[in-house]
Amino acid sequence: MRYGIAAYAIVRDTEKEAQDEVARISDVKASGAGFGNYQQWLAGTKLEGPMSIQEYSVSNRGLRSGLIGTPDQVIARISEFEATGVDLLLLQCSPQLEEMERFAAAVIQRKSPIPANS
């Protein structure tokens, strides 16, 4: 049996750059319509727990995985998941091509904690 998680990945050279990107992509208040949609969605959903505006702005609550930061931070977090039995990552990022290329160069091409053939 395989175990996987869905995750939104943001990898940058510095933690500040990564957090700045989180702030940029999760700013639904920049648009009144975006914040209104968030409020309407919250009112109609039956979640098991609270959801932040940041999580709403990224589908599948992928920010909760914590794959945000420097390459070393992201690799360490992936290693934590691997230690608990996770052997599959369903990654999301945006823009997809550019961010996946960044992830590949910064994380996968380094010593990968999850073997590519898993």
Protein backbone atom coordinates (compact mmCIF):
# COMPACT_ATOMS: atom_id res chain seq x y z
CA MET A 1 0.00 0.00 0.00
CA ARG A 2 1.21 3.49 -0.81
CA TYR A 3 0.55 6.62 1.21
CA GLY A 4 0.50 10.05 -0.31
CA ILE A 5 -0.30 13.63 0.46
CA ALA A 6 -1.41 16.57 -1.63
CA ALA A 7 0.86 19.55 -1.14
CA TYR A 8 1.38 23.04 -2.49
CA ALA A 9 5.11 23.65 -2.91
CA ILE A 10 6.87 27.01 -2.78
CA VAL A 11 10.66 26.78 -2.93
CA ARG A 12 12.80 29.90 -2.89
CA ASP A 13 16.42 30.79 -2.11
CA THR A 14 15.42 32.38 1.20
CA GLU A 15 12.60 31.78 3.66
CA LYS A 16 11.54 35.42 3.30
CA GLU A 17 11.15 35.01 -0.47
CA ALA A 18 9.03 31.91 0.11
CA GLN A 19 6.82 33.67 2.66
CA ASP A 20 6.48 36.68 0.34
CA GLU A 21 5.18 34.31 -2.36
CA VAL A 22 2.67 32.78 0.10
CA ALA A 23 1.45 36.28 0.90
CA ARG A 24 1.17 37.14 -2.79
CA ILE A 25 -0.80 34.07 -3.85
CA SER A 26 -3.09 34.09 -0.84
CA ASP A 27 -4.14 37.74 -0.91
CA VAL A 28 -7.85 37.28 -1.55
CA LYS A 29 -8.55 40.58 0.23
CA ALA A 30 -6.92 42.43 -2.68
CA SER A 31 -10.20 41.85 -4.48
CA GLY A 32 -13.53 42.45 -2.79
CA ALA A 33 -15.00 39.68 -4.92
CA GLY A 34 -12.32 37.22 -3.77
CA PHE A 35 -13.00 37.92 -0.10
CA GLY A 36 -16.75 37.76 -0.69
CA ASN A 37 -16.35 34.34 -2.32
CA TYR A 38 -14.32 33.18 0.69
CA GLN A 39 -17.02 34.31 3.13
CA GLN A 40 -19.77 32.66 1.06
CA TRP A 41 -17.79 29.45 0.75
CA LEU A 42 -17.14 29.31 4.51
CA ALA A 43 -20.84 29.80 5.25
CA GLY A 44 -21.81 26.87 3.03
CA THR A 45 -19.11 24.36 3.89
CA LYS A 46 -19.01 21.73 6.60
CA LEU A 47 -15.30 21.45 7.29
CA GLU A 48 -13.82 19.34 10.05
CA GLY A 49 -11.82 22.32 11.27
CA PRO A 50 -11.20 26.00 10.68
CA MET A 51 -9.76 27.23 7.40
CA SER A 52 -7.69 30.33 6.91
CA ILE A 53 -7.91 32.72 3.99
CA GLN A 54 -4.49 31.43 2.89
CA GLU A 55 -5.77 27.86 2.72
CA TYR A 56 -8.86 28.95 0.79
CA SER A 57 -6.69 30.62 -1.85
CA VAL A 58 -4.82 27.35 -2.51
CA SER A 59 -6.95 24.34 -3.41
CA ASN A 60 -6.87 21.09 -1.42
CA ARG A 61 -5.55 22.90 1.67
CA GLY A 62 -2.09 22.19 0.26
CA LEU A 63 -0.34 24.85 2.35
CA ARG A 64 -0.88 22.71 5.45
CA SER A 65 1.83 20.33 4.23
CA GLY A 66 4.50 22.92 4.94
CA LEU A 67 6.46 22.49 1.70
CA ILE A 68 7.32 26.16 1.80
CA GLY A 69 10.80 27.60 2.26
CA THR A 70 14.35 27.07 1.16
CA PRO A 71 15.37 23.86 -0.60
CA ASP A 72 16.86 22.56 2.66
CA GLN A 73 13.65 23.32 4.57
CA VAL A 74 11.48 21.62 1.97
CA ILE A 75 13.76 18.58 1.81
CA ALA A 76 13.66 18.32 5.62
CA ARG A 77 9.85 18.47 5.58
CA ILE A 78 9.65 15.80 2.88
CA SER A 79 11.98 13.64 4.99
CA GLU A 80 9.57 14.02 7.93
CA PHE A 81 6.73 12.77 5.76
CA GLU A 82 8.86 9.91 4.47
CA ALA A 83 9.67 8.86 8.05
CA THR A 84 5.93 8.50 8.74
CA GLY A 85 5.36 6.31 5.67
CA VAL A 86 4.45 8.84 2.98
CA ASP A 87 5.89 7.70 -0.33
CA LEU A 88 3.91 9.80 -2.79
CA LEU A 89 3.65 13.59 -3.13
CA LEU A 90 0.92 15.10 -5.28
CA LEU A 91 2.41 18.52 -5.86
CA GLN A 92 0.62 21.66 -6.86
CA CYS A 93 2.20 25.01 -7.62
CA SER A 94 1.63 27.99 -9.83
CA PRO A 95 2.59 28.76 -12.47
CA GLN A 96 2.92 24.99 -12.83
CA LEU A 97 5.74 24.66 -15.36
CA GLU A 98 8.04 27.30 -13.91
CA GLU A 99 7.51 26.19 -10.32
CA MET A 100 7.93 22.48 -11.09
CA GLU A 101 11.19 23.28 -12.90
CA ARG A 102 12.31 25.22 -9.82
CA PHE A 103 11.28 22.32 -7.55
CA ALA A 104 13.11 19.82 -9.74
CA ALA A 105 16.32 21.85 -9.76
CA ALA A 106 16.28 22.89 -6.12
CA VAL A 107 14.85 19.78 -4.46
CA ILE A 108 14.71 16.70 -6.69
CA GLN A 109 18.17 17.09 -8.24
CA ARG A 110 19.66 17.29 -4.78
CA LYS A 111 19.69 14.17 -2.66
CA SER A 112 16.04 13.28 -2.90
CA PRO A 113 14.52 11.87 0.29
CA ILE A 114 11.88 9.92 -1.67
CA PRO A 115 13.32 7.70 -4.42
CA ALA A 116 12.15 8.66 -7.90
CA ASN A 117 11.13 5.06 -8.69
CA SER A 118 8.66 4.79 -5.78
